[in-house]
């Protein structure tokens, strides 16, 4: 954020004890008070190591975070820690069942666990030969898919039975995702491809336009089921039709992209990157905003079910909740005019045109 208002060198700045106000003094003989009352983000602290994935519950009231510190933490929507589930090994993924009553987790120990919300292990699924990197429930709540570094995708029933093993990737599989009708699975791999599978295990389509040396870390279905957003290690997000046509390339990150998610209305895409940022994009590929707050790699991003909040997580154990209503342009303009409106109107040294910059902007005062 850049605060503009002084007409000469700024000599001094000081935050109020509550962090909501900043005072600045300048050679232009003025002091300005800047109000930071708008809560654009909330930082959740509690993990002791990298957070690999973060996900909202179906009702949006709870967030689950999976960490290399061998825990899954549950947080309320306002950022309070609710419970900690303790795993014997590093947790790589944690997701909610569609009914919100069960959490599935994947672990470095090659297993998948199903948990009750009070922390009881209901079932342990074994069958992979290497670390399980990512898991997803089917939207109909009848199946669970897992992606592993053993180069396979596995499909499980909720009672723990292995239904099918999908073989086709020649390098580790990083993520797996169901279509909205639960009939198709997308898997993203270090082999540079995303494969679309029927639940019977047949390869329906292979998306391989990224290039042989470009790893794909995530693939997310649009709500209408017609488009896939891919997170790539060449710093881009690519959009593909389910028929296998490459539609757009979204470029703007300065390091590999680890995670992508669609807003519930399908009009926006969020991406998380090693460049320590979360970016928001329109469905048409326009970069809308860069969210700054992480101080290390960002590995996961997830929209809340109502689309009003984004959760992001990454290295250093940090989880951040972003209030999208406060991040919209109209709201930013309101905040800006709250901060500097009186200064613009009353500073005799400003040009007359500058005094009217906030005309027509509704403020919170």
Protein backbone atom coordinates (compact mmCIF):
# COMPACT_ATOMS: atom_id res chain seq x y z
CA UNK A 1 0.00 0.00 0.00
CA UNK A 2 1.25 3.46 -0.89
CA UNK A 3 -0.21 6.42 1.03
CA UNK A 4 -0.09 9.61 -1.01
CA UNK A 5 -0.93 13.04 0.37
CA UNK A 6 2.22 14.87 1.40
CA UNK A 7 3.72 17.47 -0.96
CA UNK A 8 7.30 17.28 0.29
CA UNK A 9 9.73 14.89 1.97
CA UNK A 10 8.22 12.69 4.71
CA UNK A 11 10.45 12.71 7.79
CA UNK A 12 8.69 10.54 10.30
CA UNK A 13 5.98 7.89 10.71
CA UNK A 14 4.55 6.33 13.85
CA UNK A 15 1.79 3.75 14.47
CA UNK A 16 -0.70 4.13 17.30
CA UNK A 17 -0.44 1.38 19.97
CA UNK A 18 -3.51 -0.40 18.57
CA UNK A 19 -2.08 -0.39 15.04
CA UNK A 20 -5.18 1.22 13.57
CA UNK A 21 -3.75 4.69 12.92
CA UNK A 22 -0.51 5.90 11.35
CA UNK A 23 0.80 9.44 11.87
CA UNK A 24 3.18 10.95 9.32
CA UNK A 25 5.07 14.25 9.42
CA UNK A 26 6.50 16.11 6.44
CA UNK A 27 8.57 19.07 5.29
CA UNK A 28 5.32 20.38 3.77
CA UNK A 29 4.57 21.48 7.40
CA UNK A 30 1.66 19.03 7.80
CA UNK A 31 1.01 15.92 9.86
CA UNK A 32 -1.47 13.36 8.51
CA UNK A 33 -3.38 10.72 10.45
CA UNK A 34 -4.13 7.62 8.33
CA UNK A 35 -6.89 5.26 9.51
CA UNK A 36 -6.34 1.50 9.12
CA UNK A 37 -9.59 0.39 10.71
CA UNK A 38 -10.67 -1.80 7.78
CA UNK A 39 -9.86 -5.46 8.52
CA UNK A 40 -8.64 -6.79 5.19
CA UNK A 41 -6.86 -9.83 6.58
CA UNK A 42 -6.58 -12.00 9.66
CA UNK A 43 -3.47 -14.05 10.37
CA UNK A 44 -3.98 -17.40 12.13
CA UNK A 45 -0.98 -18.50 14.15
CA UNK A 46 -0.52 -21.89 15.78
CA UNK A 47 1.27 -24.23 13.38
CA UNK A 48 4.96 -24.84 13.91
CA UNK A 49 5.86 -25.73 10.32
CA UNK A 50 4.70 -25.44 6.70
CA UNK A 51 0.95 -25.55 6.09
CA UNK A 52 0.40 -27.60 2.92
CA UNK A 53 -3.34 -27.13 2.51
CA UNK A 54 -6.22 -25.12 3.88
CA UNK A 55 -9.94 -25.74 3.24
CA UNK A 56 -13.29 -24.37 4.33
CA UNK A 57 -16.04 -26.61 5.70
CA UNK A 58 -19.17 -26.83 3.51
CA UNK A 59 -21.03 -24.39 5.75
CA UNK A 60 -18.09 -21.96 5.76
CA UNK A 61 -17.95 -21.83 9.56
CA UNK A 62 -14.71 -23.79 10.08
CA UNK A 63 -11.33 -23.98 8.35
CA UNK A 64 -9.05 -27.03 8.37
CA UNK A 65 -5.29 -26.62 7.90
CA UNK A 66 -2.86 -29.49 7.25
CA UNK A 67 0.73 -29.05 8.35
CA UNK A 68 4.16 -30.63 8.28
CA UNK A 69 4.12 -30.21 12.08
CA UNK A 70 2.02 -33.44 12.09
CA UNK A 71 -1.25 -31.71 12.93
CA UNK A 72 -4.54 -30.70 11.40
CA UNK A 73 -5.91 -27.59 13.05
CA UNK A 74 -9.53 -26.53 12.97
CA UNK A 75 -10.27 -22.81 13.12
CA UNK A 76 -13.48 -20.85 13.44
CA UNK A 77 -14.31 -18.42 10.63
CA UNK A 78 -13.21 -15.53 12.86
CA UNK A 79 -9.76 -17.09 13.35
CA UNK A 80 -10.03 -18.82 16.71
CA UNK A 81 -8.39 -22.26 17.06
CA UNK A 82 -11.12 -24.85 17.75
CA UNK A 83 -9.27 -28.18 17.84
CA UNK A 84 -6.00 -29.88 16.91
CA UNK A 85 -5.90 -33.38 15.37
CA UNK A 86 -2.56 -35.10 15.94
CA UNK A 87 -1.10 -37.32 13.19
CA UNK A 88 1.99 -39.54 13.53
CA UNK A 89 3.63 -38.00 10.44
CA UNK A 90 3.63 -34.85 8.30
CA UNK A 91 0.15 -34.02 6.99
CA UNK A 92 0.05 -33.06 3.32
CA UNK A 93 -3.69 -32.58 2.74
CA UNK A 94 -6.91 -32.18 4.72
CA UNK A 95 -10.40 -31.87 3.22
CA UNK A 96 -14.02 -31.94 4.37
CA UNK A 97 -16.67 -34.45 3.44
CA UNK A 98 -19.64 -32.83 1.63
CA UNK A 99 -21.82 -33.22 4.75
CA UNK A 100 -19.17 -31.52 6.92
CA UNK A 101 -19.10 -34.36 9.45
CA UNK A 102 -15.79 -35.95 8.50
CA UNK A 103 -12.27 -34.77 7.66
CA UNK A 104 -9.96 -36.80 5.45
CA UNK A 105 -6.21 -36.29 5.73
CA UNK A 106 -3.24 -37.49 3.69
CA UNK A 107 0.15 -38.12 5.19
CA UNK A 108 3.80 -38.60 4.38
CA UNK A 109 3.44 -42.08 5.97
CA UNK A 110 1.58 -43.24 2.78
CA UNK A 111 -1.82 -43.41 4.51
CA UNK A 112 -5.16 -41.61 4.43
CA UNK A 113 -7.13 -41.10 7.61
CA UNK A 114 -10.79 -40.30 8.19
CA UNK A 115 -11.42 -38.23 11.34
CA UNK A 116 -14.42 -37.19 13.37
CA UNK A 117 -14.47 -33.50 14.25
CA UNK A 118 -13.54 -34.27 17.86
CA UNK A 119 -10.24 -35.80 16.69
CA UNK A 120 -11.01 -39.51 16.66
CA UNK A 121 -9.51 -41.58 13.82
CA UNK A 122 -12.45 -43.42 12.27
CA UNK A 123 -10.55 -45.31 9.58
CA UNK A 124 -7.06 -45.57 8.08
CA UNK A 125 -6.71 -46.33 4.36
CA UNK A 126 -3.51 -48.09 3.25
CA UNK A 127 -2.37 -48.96 -0.25
CA UNK A 128 -0.05 -46.30 -1.64
CA UNK A 129 3.68 -47.01 -1.92
CA UNK A 130 4.86 -43.43 -1.37
CA UNK A 131 3.72 -40.17 0.19
CA UNK A 132 0.06 -39.30 -0.41
CA UNK A 133 0.17 -35.74 -1.71
CA UNK A 134 -3.50 -34.77 -2.09
CA UNK A 135 -7.02 -36.11 -1.51
CA UNK A 136 -10.55 -35.08 -2.44
CA UNK A 137 -14.07 -36.29 -1.63
CA UNK A 138 -16.44 -36.73 -4.54
CA UNK A 139 -19.21 -34.09 -4.47
CA UNK A 140 -21.83 -36.83 -3.99
CA UNK A 141 -19.99 -37.94 -0.84
CA UNK A 142 -19.64 -41.55 -1.95
CA UNK A 143 -15.93 -41.76 -2.81
CA UNK A 144 -12.49 -40.44 -1.99
CA UNK A 145 -9.66 -39.99 -4.51
CA UNK A 146 -5.98 -39.78 -3.59
CA UNK A 147 -2.89 -38.62 -5.50
CA UNK A 148 0.50 -40.02 -4.58
CA UNK A 149 4.16 -39.71 -5.32
CA UNK A 150 3.98 -43.42 -6.29
CA UNK A 151 2.68 -42.09 -9.67
CA UNK A 152 -0.86 -43.39 -9.11
CA UNK A 153 -4.33 -42.13 -8.31
CA UNK A 154 -6.49 -44.36 -6.12
CA UNK A 155 -10.25 -44.37 -5.67
CA UNK A 156 -11.71 -45.45 -2.33
CA UNK A 157 -15.12 -46.10 -0.85
CA UNK A 158 -15.81 -44.35 2.45
CA UNK A 159 -15.69 -47.66 4.30
CA UNK A 160 -12.03 -47.94 3.31
CA UNK A 161 -12.27 -50.33 0.35
CA UNK A 162 -9.88 -49.69 -2.54
CA UNK A 163 -12.09 -49.46 -5.63
CA UNK A 164 -9.58 -48.71 -8.36
CA UNK A 165 -5.95 -47.75 -9.01
CA UNK A 166 -5.36 -45.40 -11.95
CA UNK A 167 -2.00 -45.84 -13.68
CA UNK A 168 -0.86 -43.56 -16.49
CA UNK A 169 1.37 -40.83 -15.10
CA UNK A 170 5.11 -41.46 -15.27
CA UNK A 171 6.07 -39.09 -12.46
CA UNK A 172 4.60 -38.18 -9.08
CA UNK A 173 0.96 -37.05 -8.94
CA UNK A 174 0.47 -33.78 -7.07
CA UNK A 175 -3.28 -33.25 -6.93
CA UNK A 176 -6.62 -34.82 -7.71
CA UNK A 177 -10.06 -33.28 -8.17
CA UNK A 178 -13.59 -34.48 -9.00
CA UNK A 179 -15.90 -32.88 -11.52
CA UNK A 180 -19.11 -31.49 -10.03
CA UNK A 181 -21.12 -34.53 -11.18
CA UNK A 182 -18.60 -36.92 -9.51
CA UNK A 183 -18.11 -38.79 -12.81
CA UNK A 184 -14.68 -37.51 -13.84
CA UNK A 185 -11.38 -37.12 -11.98
CA UNK A 186 -8.58 -34.73 -12.94
CA UNK A 187 -5.03 -35.53 -11.81
CA UNK A 188 -2.05 -33.16 -12.09
CA UNK A 189 1.49 -34.48 -12.27
CA UNK A 190 5.17 -33.63 -12.42
CA UNK A 191 5.15 -35.30 -15.85
CA UNK A 192 3.67 -32.06 -17.25
CA UNK A 193 0.18 -33.45 -17.87
CA UNK A 194 -3.27 -33.37 -16.39
CA UNK A 195 -5.27 -36.51 -17.06
CA UNK A 196 -9.05 -36.75 -17.02
CA UNK A 197 -10.28 -40.16 -15.87
CA UNK A 198 -13.67 -41.79 -15.71
CA UNK A 199 -14.37 -43.21 -12.24
CA UNK A 200 -13.99 -46.62 -13.88
CA UNK A 201 -10.33 -45.79 -14.54
CA UNK A 202 -10.38 -45.00 -18.27
CA UNK A 203 -8.29 -42.05 -19.49
CA UNK A 204 -10.72 -39.71 -21.23
CA UNK A 205 -8.32 -36.89 -22.08
CA UNK A 206 -4.71 -35.86 -21.49
CA UNK A 207 -3.90 -32.15 -21.28
CA UNK A 208 -0.23 -31.85 -22.17
CA UNK A 209 0.29 -28.40 -23.61
CA UNK A 210 2.43 -27.23 -20.70
CA UNK A 211 5.59 -28.79 -22.11
CA UNK A 212 7.62 -31.86 -21.11
CA UNK A 213 9.66 -30.08 -18.45
CA UNK A 214 6.83 -28.11 -16.83
CA UNK A 215 5.34 -29.64 -13.69
CA UNK A 216 1.66 -29.20 -12.88
CA UNK A 217 0.88 -28.82 -9.18
CA UNK A 218 -2.88 -28.39 -9.12
CA UNK A 219 -6.00 -28.64 -11.29
CA UNK A 220 -9.34 -27.10 -10.29
CA UNK A 221 -12.73 -27.49 -12.00
CA UNK A 222 -14.87 -24.43 -12.67
CA UNK A 223 -18.32 -24.60 -11.01
CA UNK A 224 -20.00 -25.19 -14.38
CA UNK A 225 -17.67 -28.13 -15.05
CA UNK A 226 -16.54 -26.80 -18.42
CA UNK A 227 -13.09 -25.41 -17.61
CA UNK A 228 -10.00 -26.53 -15.70
CA UNK A 229 -7.51 -24.11 -14.15
CA UNK A 230 -3.99 -25.52 -13.86
CA UNK A 231 -1.21 -24.30 -11.55
CA UNK A 232 2.17 -24.69 -13.26
CA UNK A 233 5.79 -24.40 -12.24
CA UNK A 234 6.53 -22.03 -15.15
CA UNK A 235 4.86 -19.23 -13.12
CA UNK A 236 1.56 -19.43 -15.05
CA UNK A 237 -2.02 -20.56 -14.64
CA UNK A 238 -3.52 -22.12 -17.77
CA UNK A 239 -7.23 -22.51 -18.51
CA UNK A 240 -8.39 -25.55 -20.49
CA UNK A 241 -11.75 -26.69 -21.79
CA UNK A 242 -12.75 -30.21 -20.72
CA UNK A 243 -12.52 -31.13 -24.42
CA UNK A 244 -8.76 -30.55 -24.27
CA UNK A 245 -8.42 -27.10 -25.80
CA UNK A 246 -6.08 -24.60 -24.18
CA UNK A 247 -8.09 -21.39 -23.67
CA UNK A 248 -5.86 -18.88 -21.87
CA UNK A 249 -2.58 -18.40 -20.08
CA UNK A 250 -2.61 -16.20 -16.96
CA UNK A 251 0.85 -14.70 -16.42
CA UNK A 252 1.82 -12.44 -13.54
CA UNK A 253 3.41 -14.54 -10.82
CA UNK A 254 7.21 -14.44 -10.57
CA UNK A 255 7.64 -18.01 -9.28
CA UNK A 256 5.89 -21.37 -9.56
CA UNK A 257 2.16 -21.51 -8.90
CA UNK A 258 1.20 -24.13 -6.30
CA UNK A 259 -2.57 -23.93 -5.96
CA UNK A 260 -5.66 -22.58 -7.75
CA UNK A 261 -9.31 -22.30 -6.78
CA UNK A 262 -12.48 -20.94 -8.41
CA UNK A 263 -14.91 -18.61 -6.68
CA UNK A 264 -18.32 -20.26 -6.12
CA UNK A 265 -19.91 -18.16 -8.88
CA UNK A 266 -17.15 -19.14 -11.33
CA UNK A 267 -16.22 -15.55 -12.11
CA UNK A 268 -12.89 -15.37 -10.31
CA UNK A 269 -9.79 -17.53 -9.82
CA UNK A 270 -7.38 -17.34 -6.89
CA UNK A 271 -3.78 -18.56 -7.20
CA UNK A 272 -1.04 -19.18 -4.64
CA UNK A 273 2.64 -18.99 -5.49
CA UNK A 274 6.21 -19.33 -4.31
CA UNK A 275 6.50 -15.59 -4.94
CA UNK A 276 4.76 -15.13 -1.54
CA UNK A 277 1.56 -13.75 -3.07
CA UNK A 278 -2.03 -14.71 -3.73
CA UNK A 279 -3.43 -13.30 -6.97
CA UNK A 280 -7.03 -12.84 -8.04
CA UNK A 281 -7.98 -13.20 -11.72
CA UNK A 282 -11.14 -12.76 -13.72
CA UNK A 283 -12.44 -15.77 -15.64
CA UNK A 284 -11.34 -13.92 -18.79
CA UNK A 285 -7.73 -13.94 -17.53
CA UNK A 286 -7.39 -10.35 -16.30
CA UNK A 287 -5.27 -9.92 -13.17
CA UNK A 288 -7.55 -8.21 -10.65
CA UNK A 289 -5.47 -7.93 -7.49
CA UNK A 290 -2.36 -9.14 -5.68
CA UNK A 291 -2.79 -9.98 -2.00
CA UNK A 292 0.33 -9.23 0.04
CA UNK A 293 0.70 -10.59 3.55
CA UNK A 294 2.65 -13.84 3.40
CA UNK A 295 6.36 -13.65 4.10
CA UNK A 296 7.19 -17.04 2.59
CA UNK A 297 5.99 -19.49 -0.06
CA UNK A 298 2.21 -19.83 -0.40
CA UNK A 299 1.11 -23.42 -1.01
CA UNK A 300 -2.68 -23.41 -0.82
CA UNK A 301 -5.66 -21.16 -1.48
CA UNK A 302 -9.39 -21.78 -1.00
CA UNK A 303 -12.57 -19.72 -1.38
CA UNK A 304 -15.22 -19.85 1.31
CA UNK A 305 -18.58 -21.31 0.14
CA UNK A 306 -20.16 -17.84 0.09
CA UNK A 307 -17.24 -16.39 -1.89
CA UNK A 308 -16.64 -13.59 0.60
CA UNK A 309 -13.40 -14.90 2.13
CA UNK A 310 -10.21 -16.53 0.88
CA UNK A 311 -8.00 -18.71 3.07
CA UNK A 312 -4.35 -19.09 2.10
CA UNK A 313 -1.51 -21.01 3.73
CA UNK A 314 2.16 -21.70 3.28
CA UNK A 315 5.66 -22.01 4.66
CA UNK A 316 6.33 -20.69 8.12
CA UNK A 317 3.08 -22.10 9.50
CA UNK A 318 0.99 -19.11 8.45
CA UNK A 319 -2.71 -19.21 7.55
CA UNK A 320 -4.33 -15.96 6.38
CA UNK A 321 -8.01 -15.15 5.96
CA UNK A 322 -8.70 -12.40 3.41
CA UNK A 323 -11.95 -10.44 3.51
CA UNK A 324 -12.84 -10.04 -0.15
CA UNK A 325 -15.53 -7.48 0.59
CA UNK A 326 -12.82 -5.19 1.96
CA UNK A 327 -10.61 -5.90 -1.04
CA UNK A 328 -13.05 -4.77 -3.71
CA UNK A 329 -12.18 -1.55 -5.56
CA UNK A 330 -15.23 0.38 -4.33
CA UNK A 331 -14.38 -0.46 -0.74
CA UNK A 332 -10.74 0.50 -1.25
CA UNK A 333 -11.84 3.84 -2.67
CA UNK A 334 -14.09 4.39 0.33
CA UNK A 335 -11.24 3.61 2.71
CA UNK A 336 -8.85 5.89 0.83
CA UNK A 337 -11.29 8.80 0.92
CA UNK A 338 -11.95 8.15 4.62
CA UNK A 339 -8.21 8.53 5.19
CA UNK A 340 -7.46 11.59 3.08
CA UNK A 341 -10.82 13.22 2.33
CA UNK A 342 -10.51 16.01 4.91
CA UNK A 343 -6.91 16.64 3.88
CA UNK A 344 -7.88 16.97 0.22
CA UNK A 345 -10.67 19.42 1.00
CA UNK A 346 -8.83 21.62 3.47
CA UNK A 347 -5.19 21.80 2.36
CA UNK A 348 -4.77 25.20 0.73
CA UNK A 349 -1.60 24.07 -1.04
CA UNK A 350 -3.38 21.51 -3.22
CA UNK A 351 -4.56 22.25 -6.72
CA UNK A 352 -8.30 22.75 -7.01
CA UNK A 353 -8.72 19.58 -9.09
CA UNK A 354 -7.08 17.46 -6.35
CA UNK A 355 -9.57 18.71 -3.79
CA UNK A 356 -12.35 16.98 -5.69
CA UNK A 357 -10.75 13.54 -6.09
CA UNK A 358 -13.20 12.01 -3.63
CA UNK A 359 -16.30 13.71 -5.01
CA UNK A 360 -18.92 11.05 -5.66
CA UNK A 361 -17.21 8.42 -3.47
CA UNK A 362 -19.41 7.36 -0.56
CA UNK A 363 -17.34 7.16 2.62
CA UNK A 364 -17.98 5.50 5.97
CA UNK A 365 -17.92 8.75 7.96
